[in-house]
Amino acid sequence: MAGTTQGEQDAGSATVPWDTAELLRALGAVNQLIPRVVGELASGQMSPDRQREFATLLQRLAAVLREHADNQTSGKAAAPQYAASCGPLPKSLRHLIEP
């Protein structure tokens, strides 16, 4: 992106390190899922398998966030691929954010 150094991306008005930008994207995607998950759980429409998949997604996201914090504490730069360890959204959960 113009005006950013290698390893950094523009996140709105601030330039943030690549790993932080990827973490923000992952958090934003999960944030979009929460209202639908709550609704499906409340109505009894979310299958146990989808509940487990969502729980696994949250665990992976928590691990990425923890790693991000550890990297900041140690002062070491994260490898760009680490933020992708959340993996893509499982197909069985995509309906929660797709129209």
Protein backbone atom coordinates (compact mmCIF):
# COMPACT_ATOMS: atom_id res chain seq x y z
CA MET A 1 0.00 0.00 0.00
CA ALA A 2 1.21 3.49 -0.68
CA GLY A 3 2.89 5.14 2.26
CA THR A 4 3.41 1.99 4.27
CA THR A 5 6.61 0.09 4.79
CA GLN A 6 7.01 -3.59 4.07
CA GLY A 7 5.28 -5.52 6.83
CA GLU A 8 2.75 -2.76 7.56
CA GLN A 9 -0.77 -2.13 6.32
CA ASP A 10 -3.09 0.83 6.49
CA ALA A 11 -5.92 0.21 8.99
CA GLY A 12 -8.19 3.20 8.59
CA SER A 13 -6.31 6.32 9.63
CA ALA A 14 -3.37 4.54 11.30
CA THR A 15 -0.63 2.40 9.83
CA VAL A 16 -0.29 -0.79 11.82
CA PRO A 17 2.04 -3.78 11.52
CA TRP A 18 0.87 -6.49 9.16
CA ASP A 19 0.19 -8.97 11.96
CA THR A 20 -1.98 -6.45 13.81
CA ALA A 21 -3.96 -5.66 10.65
CA GLU A 22 -4.60 -9.38 10.10
CA LEU A 23 -5.65 -9.81 13.73
CA LEU A 24 -8.05 -6.89 13.40
CA ARG A 25 -9.57 -8.49 10.29
CA ALA A 26 -10.01 -11.81 12.11
CA LEU A 27 -11.60 -10.10 15.11
CA GLY A 28 -13.93 -8.17 12.81
CA ALA A 29 -15.04 -11.36 11.06
CA VAL A 30 -15.83 -13.04 14.38
CA ASN A 31 -17.63 -9.90 15.54
CA GLN A 32 -19.92 -10.23 12.51
CA LEU A 33 -20.73 -13.81 13.52
CA ILE A 34 -21.70 -13.14 17.14
CA PRO A 35 -25.27 -11.79 16.64
CA ARG A 36 -26.24 -14.73 14.42
CA VAL A 37 -24.63 -17.26 16.75
CA VAL A 38 -26.52 -15.76 19.69
CA GLY A 39 -29.76 -15.85 17.73
CA GLU A 40 -29.31 -19.43 16.58
CA LEU A 41 -28.34 -20.58 20.07
CA ALA A 42 -31.30 -18.78 21.64
CA SER A 43 -33.73 -20.31 19.16
CA GLY A 44 -32.19 -23.76 19.34
CA GLN A 45 -31.27 -23.70 15.64
CA MET A 46 -27.49 -24.09 15.95
CA SER A 47 -26.45 -27.72 15.68
CA PRO A 48 -23.94 -29.14 18.17
CA ASP A 49 -21.44 -29.60 15.31
CA ARG A 50 -21.67 -25.92 14.33
CA GLN A 51 -21.35 -24.95 18.00
CA ARG A 52 -18.13 -26.98 18.20
CA GLU A 53 -16.82 -25.41 14.98
CA PHE A 54 -17.49 -21.93 16.31
CA ALA A 55 -15.80 -22.81 19.60
CA THR A 56 -12.75 -24.05 17.68
CA LEU A 57 -12.68 -20.81 15.70
CA LEU A 58 -12.76 -18.81 18.94
CA GLN A 59 -9.95 -20.94 20.39
CA ARG A 60 -7.80 -20.35 17.31
CA LEU A 61 -8.51 -16.63 17.43
CA ALA A 62 -7.60 -16.56 21.13
CA ALA A 63 -4.30 -18.30 20.35
CA VAL A 64 -3.51 -15.73 17.65
CA LEU A 65 -4.32 -12.86 20.00
CA ARG A 66 -2.15 -14.40 22.73
CA GLU A 67 0.72 -14.87 20.26
CA HIS A 68 0.33 -11.27 19.11
CA ALA A 69 0.59 -10.05 22.71
CA ASP A 70 3.58 -12.31 23.39
CA ASN A 71 5.34 -10.99 20.29
CA GLN A 72 4.75 -7.40 21.42
CA THR A 73 6.07 -8.20 24.90
CA SER A 74 9.20 -9.88 23.55
CA GLY A 75 9.70 -7.18 20.91
CA LYS A 76 9.96 -9.72 18.13
CA ALA A 77 8.17 -9.25 14.85
CA ALA A 78 5.61 -11.86 13.95
CA ALA A 79 5.92 -13.84 10.78
CA PRO A 80 3.23 -12.66 8.34
CA GLN A 81 1.65 -16.11 8.13
CA TYR A 82 1.00 -16.38 11.88
CA ALA A 83 -2.19 -14.30 11.75
CA ALA A 84 -3.62 -16.60 9.12
CA SER A 85 -3.48 -19.49 11.59
CA CYS A 86 -7.11 -18.76 12.39
CA GLY A 87 -7.73 -20.35 9.03
CA PRO A 88 -10.63 -19.63 6.76
CA LEU A 89 -14.12 -19.51 8.17
CA PRO A 90 -15.53 -23.07 8.10
CA LYS A 91 -18.11 -23.54 5.34
CA SER A 92 -20.75 -24.57 7.86
CA LEU A 93 -20.42 -21.16 9.56
CA ARG A 94 -20.20 -18.96 6.46
CA HIS A 95 -23.98 -18.71 6.26
CA LEU A 96 -23.82 -16.66 9.45
CA ILE A 97 -22.20 -13.71 7.71
CA GLU A 98 -23.23 -14.24 4.11
CA PRO A 99 -26.61 -12.96 2.92
